[in-house]
Amino acid sequence: MKRSDLATLISLAALWGASYLFIRMGAGQFGAVPLAGARAALAALLLTPLLALRGAGGLRELRAHWKPIALVGITNSALPFVLFSFAALTLPAGLSSIFTAATPLFTAVIAWLWLNERLSGMRVAGLAVGFAGVLWLVWDKTALAAHGIASAHATTHTAVHATALAIAACLAATLLYGFSANFSKRRLGGVSPLAVATGSQIVSAVVLAVPAISLWPATAPAPHAWAALFALALACTAFAYVLFFRLIASVGPSRAMTALFLIPAFGVLWGALFLGETFTVAMAIGCGVILAGTALTTGVVRLPGQRQAPAARAVAVACRDQSACPATGS
């Protein structure tokens, strides 16, 4: 990989990791649904002209494939945007970013259940390791208490309930990413990734428009929340797409997907630097276990002579077609 490509990959992971920071900054001021709706609308406003500049072909693709693109927009953008924004009302940015690392695990499980892809012994081991890391984080009270989550609620019971809902929202979002990855592979394999990206944001904006407007806060959000919204929509969503497409064209989808493994590192880093979040030993263990499981499941780490796992090809193809990339939706 050339230095310029490596710089692009790191920049992309840094932007995707920063999305959790900006969601955390904006969710409390806007609310989960208004933040998600405004994010999609702004991203659509920027991506649509980019698609139009590529000629009539992209617009024709939107019209020809609007039904599957609409489903991708709902499952890969609209719902995950809302779910991660809801989770950010309770969970720190770094912890939310770590849960996203489980996306390839869900992608592999759904590919096995839906597309009948074979689960090798290596992949089964990877799934077991990865989900063990998820369970570690879910049940670890030390990592959550370090962020003062309990103190933000009236009672311990309320705190546990709110935290459980937030974690469930993160995992539901990653499950939706896994579905979108496999659906995109099956139905949108030949469609321009920019057309899918633009269409999905347009659909997401339309779907969320009415609830976002009806739930718009009566009190004007603070300037820092507006800044977070614009950074989230323009930098972490629209501009990140541009970088991602450039990286795919240069190094291919399989190498481009390695940016997914760097997202938790940047998510934790930005949370610690700008929000004063604490990164505990327990969180480090959970993150490491999830990433190890993901590496085994996708075939990034494999025995000498072993062929690339089907899951790696599934995620790579879906990344090429836009919808497997969590931070495009997170």
Protein backbone atom coordinates (compact mmCIF):
# COMPACT_ATOMS: atom_id res chain seq x y z
CA MET A 1 0.00 0.00 0.00
CA LYS A 2 1.39 3.39 -1.01
CA ARG A 3 1.93 6.09 1.59
CA SER A 4 -0.84 8.19 0.10
CA ASP A 5 -3.25 5.25 0.34
CA LEU A 6 -2.19 4.57 3.92
CA ALA A 7 -2.78 8.23 4.76
CA THR A 8 -6.24 8.02 3.17
CA LEU A 9 -7.06 4.86 5.12
CA ILE A 10 -5.99 6.40 8.43
CA SER A 11 -7.89 9.61 7.66
CA LEU A 12 -10.99 7.60 6.83
CA ALA A 13 -10.81 5.62 10.07
CA ALA A 14 -10.22 8.84 12.00
CA LEU A 15 -13.33 10.42 10.46
CA TRP A 16 -15.48 7.36 11.08
CA GLY A 17 -14.20 7.13 14.64
CA ALA A 18 -14.98 10.82 15.16
CA SER A 19 -18.62 10.23 14.24
CA TYR A 20 -19.21 8.79 17.72
CA LEU A 21 -17.71 11.90 19.28
CA PHE A 22 -20.00 14.19 17.29
CA ILE A 23 -23.06 12.01 17.93
CA ARG A 24 -22.32 12.16 21.64
CA MET A 25 -21.94 15.96 21.45
CA GLY A 26 -25.13 16.52 19.49
CA ALA A 27 -27.60 13.90 20.72
CA GLY A 28 -28.28 15.53 24.07
CA GLN A 29 -29.07 18.87 22.44
CA PHE A 30 -31.03 17.77 19.37
CA GLY A 31 -32.45 14.45 20.50
CA ALA A 32 -31.78 11.13 18.80
CA VAL A 33 -34.27 11.36 15.92
CA PRO A 34 -33.76 15.05 14.99
CA LEU A 35 -29.98 14.57 14.97
CA ALA A 36 -30.26 11.49 12.76
CA GLY A 37 -32.68 13.19 10.36
CA ALA A 38 -30.64 16.36 10.04
CA ARG A 39 -27.47 14.33 9.51
CA ALA A 40 -29.02 12.37 6.65
CA ALA A 41 -30.51 15.48 5.05
CA LEU A 42 -27.22 17.39 5.07
CA ALA A 43 -25.31 14.38 3.74
CA ALA A 44 -27.86 13.95 0.95
CA LEU A 45 -27.57 17.62 0.01
CA LEU A 46 -23.81 17.22 -0.47
CA LEU A 47 -23.80 13.80 -2.14
CA THR A 48 -26.57 14.50 -4.67
CA PRO A 49 -24.58 17.15 -6.62
CA LEU A 50 -21.54 14.84 -6.58
CA LEU A 51 -23.61 12.10 -8.17
CA ALA A 52 -25.07 14.52 -10.72
CA LEU A 53 -21.57 15.64 -11.72
CA ARG A 54 -20.83 12.08 -12.80
CA GLY A 55 -23.47 12.30 -15.52
CA ALA A 56 -26.89 10.84 -16.09
CA GLY A 57 -25.75 7.28 -15.44
CA GLY A 58 -25.83 7.62 -11.67
CA LEU A 59 -29.31 9.12 -11.67
CA ARG A 60 -30.52 6.32 -13.96
CA GLU A 61 -29.13 3.78 -11.51
CA LEU A 62 -31.08 5.44 -8.70
CA ARG A 63 -34.32 5.14 -10.65
CA ALA A 64 -33.65 1.58 -11.80
CA HIS A 65 -32.73 0.25 -8.36
CA TRP A 66 -34.72 2.52 -6.07
CA LYS A 67 -36.43 -0.31 -4.15
CA PRO A 68 -33.30 -2.12 -2.90
CA ILE A 69 -31.54 1.22 -2.39
CA ALA A 70 -34.50 2.36 -0.28
CA LEU A 71 -34.19 -0.73 1.92
CA VAL A 72 -30.47 -0.10 2.32
CA GLY A 73 -31.24 3.50 3.23
CA ILE A 74 -33.56 2.37 6.01
CA THR A 75 -31.44 -0.48 7.39
CA ASN A 76 -27.98 1.00 6.87
CA SER A 77 -28.64 4.68 7.56
CA ALA A 78 -32.00 5.76 8.99
CA LEU A 79 -32.39 3.17 11.74
CA PRO A 80 -28.68 2.91 12.72
CA PHE A 81 -28.42 6.72 12.81
CA VAL A 82 -31.30 6.84 15.29
CA LEU A 83 -30.06 3.87 17.32
CA PHE A 84 -26.54 5.19 17.76
CA SER A 85 -27.86 8.66 18.58
CA PHE A 86 -30.13 7.11 21.22
CA ALA A 87 -27.22 5.12 22.65
CA ALA A 88 -25.10 8.28 22.82
CA LEU A 89 -27.55 9.75 25.34
CA THR A 90 -26.18 7.20 27.82
CA LEU A 91 -23.00 5.53 26.58
CA PRO A 92 -19.65 7.26 26.08
CA ALA A 93 -18.44 7.70 22.51
CA GLY A 94 -15.52 5.31 22.91
CA LEU A 95 -17.66 2.45 24.15
CA SER A 96 -20.17 2.87 21.32
CA SER A 97 -17.36 2.73 18.78
CA ILE A 98 -16.08 -0.53 20.27
CA PHE A 99 -19.45 -2.22 19.85
CA THR A 100 -19.37 -1.31 16.15
CA ALA A 101 -16.36 -3.59 15.73
CA ALA A 102 -18.81 -6.49 16.01
CA THR A 103 -20.36 -5.62 12.63
CA PRO A 104 -18.36 -8.21 10.62
CA LEU A 105 -19.42 -10.86 13.16
CA PHE A 106 -23.10 -10.20 12.48
CA THR A 107 -22.34 -10.04 8.76
CA ALA A 108 -20.85 -13.53 8.88
CA VAL A 109 -23.72 -15.00 10.91
CA ILE A 110 -26.36 -13.55 8.58
CA ALA A 111 -24.42 -14.76 5.52
CA TRP A 112 -24.46 -18.25 7.04
CA LEU A 113 -28.19 -18.15 7.87
CA TRP A 114 -29.40 -16.34 4.74
CA LEU A 115 -26.88 -17.03 1.97
CA ASN A 116 -25.89 -20.52 3.19
CA GLU A 117 -22.21 -19.61 3.33
CA ARG A 118 -20.11 -22.29 4.98
CA LEU A 119 -18.78 -21.68 8.48
CA SER A 120 -15.26 -23.10 8.71
CA GLY A 121 -13.70 -24.02 12.02
CA MET A 122 -11.66 -20.82 11.92
CA ARG A 123 -14.76 -18.71 11.39
CA VAL A 124 -16.69 -20.47 14.17
CA ALA A 125 -13.77 -19.83 16.51
CA GLY A 126 -13.69 -16.19 15.43
CA LEU A 127 -17.41 -15.78 16.07
CA ALA A 128 -17.09 -17.36 19.50
CA VAL A 129 -14.16 -15.12 20.43
CA GLY A 130 -15.79 -11.98 19.04
CA PHE A 131 -19.13 -12.46 20.76
CA ALA A 132 -17.32 -13.33 23.99
CA GLY A 133 -15.76 -9.86 23.78
CA VAL A 134 -19.20 -8.33 23.29
CA LEU A 135 -20.56 -10.18 26.33
CA TRP A 136 -17.54 -9.06 28.34
CA LEU A 137 -18.36 -5.41 27.65
CA VAL A 138 -22.09 -5.88 28.19
CA TRP A 139 -21.66 -7.37 31.63
CA ASP A 140 -18.63 -5.43 32.78
CA LYS A 141 -19.84 -2.96 35.39
CA THR A 142 -16.42 -1.42 35.97
CA ALA A 143 -16.09 -0.04 32.45
CA LEU A 144 -19.51 1.56 32.65
CA ALA A 145 -19.12 2.93 36.17
CA ALA A 146 -15.84 4.58 35.20
CA HIS A 147 -17.78 6.97 33.00
CA GLY A 148 -20.18 7.98 35.73
CA ILE A 149 -23.17 6.51 33.93
CA ALA A 150 -24.90 5.53 37.15
CA SER A 151 -24.59 9.02 38.59
CA ALA A 152 -26.53 10.45 35.68
CA HIS A 153 -29.68 8.58 36.75
CA ALA A 154 -31.84 8.71 39.84
CA THR A 155 -31.44 5.10 40.95
CA THR A 156 -29.18 2.16 40.26
CA HIS A 157 -32.12 0.30 38.71
CA THR A 158 -32.78 3.19 36.34
CA ALA A 159 -29.09 3.38 35.46
CA VAL A 160 -28.87 -0.31 34.64
CA HIS A 161 -32.06 -0.13 32.57
CA ALA A 162 -30.86 2.90 30.58
CA THR A 163 -27.44 1.34 30.00
CA ALA A 164 -28.97 -1.96 28.87
CA LEU A 165 -31.20 -0.15 26.37
CA ALA A 166 -28.24 1.84 25.03
CA ILE A 167 -26.13 -1.29 24.57
CA ALA A 168 -29.06 -3.04 22.90
CA ALA A 169 -29.38 -0.08 20.52
CA CYS A 170 -25.70 -0.34 19.54
CA LEU A 171 -25.96 -4.07 18.93
CA ALA A 172 -29.21 -3.66 16.98
CA ALA A 173 -27.48 -1.11 14.75
CA THR A 174 -24.56 -3.46 14.07
CA LEU A 175 -27.04 -6.25 13.32
CA LEU A 176 -28.71 -3.99 10.76
CA TYR A 177 -25.31 -3.26 9.22
CA GLY A 178 -24.76 -6.99 8.90
CA PHE A 179 -28.09 -7.42 7.14
CA SER A 180 -27.39 -4.48 4.81
CA ALA A 181 -23.99 -5.89 3.89
CA ASN A 182 -25.47 -9.18 2.76
CA PHE A 183 -28.50 -7.59 1.10
CA SER A 184 -26.24 -5.22 -0.82
CA LYS A 185 -24.08 -8.10 -1.96
CA ARG A 186 -27.14 -9.94 -3.23
CA ARG A 187 -29.13 -7.11 -4.82
CA LEU A 188 -26.79 -4.18 -5.51
CA GLY A 189 -23.58 -5.82 -6.64
CA GLY A 190 -23.41 -3.99 -9.97
CA VAL A 191 -24.66 -0.59 -8.85
CA SER A 192 -22.34 2.39 -8.47
CA PRO A 193 -21.38 2.81 -4.78
CA LEU A 194 -21.91 6.57 -5.03
CA ALA A 195 -25.44 5.98 -6.33
CA VAL A 196 -26.17 3.65 -3.41
CA ALA A 197 -24.65 6.09 -0.93
CA THR A 198 -26.58 9.06 -2.29
CA GLY A 199 -29.85 7.18 -2.60
CA SER A 200 -29.57 5.74 0.89
CA GLN A 201 -29.07 9.19 2.41
CA ILE A 202 -31.99 10.64 0.44
CA VAL A 203 -34.27 7.82 1.59
CA SER A 204 -33.01 8.15 5.15
CA ALA A 205 -33.72 11.89 5.13
CA VAL A 206 -37.23 11.37 3.76
CA VAL A 207 -38.07 8.58 6.22
CA LEU A 208 -36.87 10.60 9.21
CA ALA A 209 -38.22 13.99 8.09
CA VAL A 210 -41.62 13.91 9.81
CA PRO A 211 -40.49 12.41 13.15
CA ALA A 212 -37.42 14.66 13.19
CA ILE A 213 -39.49 17.80 12.65
CA SER A 214 -42.14 16.75 15.19
CA LEU A 215 -39.48 16.00 17.82
CA TRP A 216 -37.30 19.02 17.07
CA PRO A 217 -36.23 20.61 20.39
CA ALA A 218 -38.17 23.66 21.56
CA THR A 219 -34.95 25.18 22.89
CA ALA A 220 -32.37 26.05 20.25
CA PRO A 221 -29.37 23.69 20.42
CA ALA A 222 -26.07 25.20 21.55
CA PRO A 223 -23.46 26.27 18.98
CA HIS A 224 -21.24 23.29 19.79
CA ALA A 225 -24.14 20.94 18.98
CA TRP A 226 -24.66 22.59 15.59
CA ALA A 227 -20.94 22.31 14.90
CA ALA A 228 -21.09 18.62 15.81
CA LEU A 229 -24.05 18.09 13.47
CA PHE A 230 -22.34 19.70 10.48
CA ALA A 231 -19.09 17.85 11.17
CA LEU A 232 -21.00 14.58 11.49
CA ALA A 233 -22.97 15.03 8.28
CA LEU A 234 -20.40 16.66 6.03
CA ALA A 235 -17.08 15.25 7.24
CA CYS A 236 -17.93 11.89 8.82
CA THR A 237 -20.65 10.92 6.36
CA ALA A 238 -20.43 12.66 2.97
CA PHE A 239 -16.68 13.38 2.78
CA ALA A 240 -15.89 9.98 4.29
CA TYR A 241 -17.78 8.37 1.39
CA VAL A 242 -15.57 10.24 -1.07
CA LEU A 243 -12.42 9.05 0.70
CA PHE A 244 -13.74 5.51 0.86
CA PHE A 245 -14.51 5.35 -2.86
CA ARG A 246 -11.06 6.76 -3.63
CA LEU A 247 -9.45 4.11 -1.43
CA ILE A 248 -11.43 1.30 -3.05
CA ALA A 249 -10.35 2.47 -6.50
CA SER A 250 -6.72 2.53 -5.42
CA VAL A 251 -6.26 -0.56 -3.22
CA GLY A 252 -9.46 -2.60 -3.68
CA PRO A 253 -12.33 -3.37 -1.30
CA SER A 254 -10.54 -6.03 0.76
CA ARG A 255 -7.76 -3.69 1.85
CA ALA A 256 -10.13 -0.75 2.19
CA MET A 257 -12.20 -2.69 4.72
CA THR A 258 -9.22 -2.74 7.11
CA ALA A 259 -10.27 0.78 8.07
CA LEU A 260 -13.05 -0.89 10.08
CA PHE A 261 -10.48 -2.28 12.50
CA LEU A 262 -9.13 1.19 13.30
CA ILE A 263 -12.50 2.75 14.13
CA PRO A 264 -12.58 1.72 17.82
CA ALA A 265 -9.06 3.07 18.37
CA PHE A 266 -10.00 6.48 17.02
CA GLY A 267 -13.40 6.43 18.72
CA VAL A 268 -11.76 5.87 22.09
CA LEU A 269 -9.00 8.41 21.34
CA TRP A 270 -11.37 11.24 20.38
CA GLY A 271 -13.61 10.51 23.36
CA ALA A 272 -10.66 10.69 25.73
CA LEU A 273 -9.16 13.83 24.17
CA PHE A 274 -12.28 15.94 23.73
CA LEU A 275 -14.82 14.57 26.20
CA GLY A 276 -12.52 13.43 28.99
CA GLU A 277 -13.73 9.83 28.76
CA THR A 278 -11.81 7.11 30.57
CA PHE A 279 -10.50 4.07 28.74
CA THR A 280 -10.36 1.25 31.27
CA VAL A 281 -8.38 -1.98 31.22
CA ALA A 282 -11.66 -3.89 30.98
CA MET A 283 -12.66 -1.92 27.89
CA ALA A 284 -9.24 -2.56 26.34
CA ILE A 285 -9.65 -6.30 26.92
CA GLY A 286 -13.15 -6.33 25.45
CA CYS A 287 -12.07 -4.30 22.43
CA GLY A 288 -9.06 -6.55 21.82
CA VAL A 289 -11.14 -9.72 22.06
CA ILE A 290 -13.78 -8.38 19.65
CA LEU A 291 -11.15 -7.31 17.12
CA ALA A 292 -9.37 -10.66 17.41
CA GLY A 293 -12.63 -12.48 16.75
CA THR A 294 -13.42 -10.20 13.84
CA ALA A 295 -9.98 -10.78 12.33
CA LEU A 296 -10.47 -14.55 12.52
CA THR A 297 -14.02 -14.40 11.19
CA THR A 298 -13.20 -12.23 8.18
CA GLY A 299 -10.00 -14.07 7.31
CA VAL A 300 -7.72 -11.10 7.96
CA VAL A 301 -5.83 -13.49 10.27
CA ARG A 302 -5.67 -17.05 8.95
CA LEU A 303 -3.42 -20.07 8.85
CA PRO A 304 -0.68 -20.24 6.18
CA GLY A 305 -2.12 -21.53 2.93
CA GLN A 306 -5.71 -20.99 4.02
CA ARG A 307 -7.93 -19.33 1.44
CA GLN A 308 -9.67 -16.06 2.21
CA ALA A 309 -12.78 -16.76 4.25
CA PRO A 310 -16.14 -16.23 2.55
CA ALA A 311 -16.98 -13.67 5.22
CA ALA A 312 -14.02 -11.59 4.18
CA ARG A 313 -15.23 -11.64 0.60
CA ALA A 314 -18.79 -10.83 1.69
CA VAL A 315 -17.72 -7.80 3.69
CA ALA A 316 -15.32 -6.72 0.96
CA VAL A 317 -17.99 -6.89 -1.73
CA ALA A 318 -20.51 -5.14 0.47
CA CYS A 319 -17.97 -2.46 1.34
CA ARG A 320 -17.43 -1.93 -2.35
CA ASP A 321 -21.16 -1.46 -2.68
CA GLN A 322 -21.21 0.90 0.34
CA SER A 323 -23.48 -0.77 2.82
CA ALA A 324 -21.16 -2.86 4.99
CA CYS A 325 -19.24 0.06 6.37
CA PRO A 326 -20.50 0.85 9.82
CA ALA A 327 -19.28 4.33 10.16
CA THR A 328 -21.13 5.32 7.07
CA GLY A 329 -24.15 4.76 9.21
CA SER A 330 -22.89 5.31 12.72
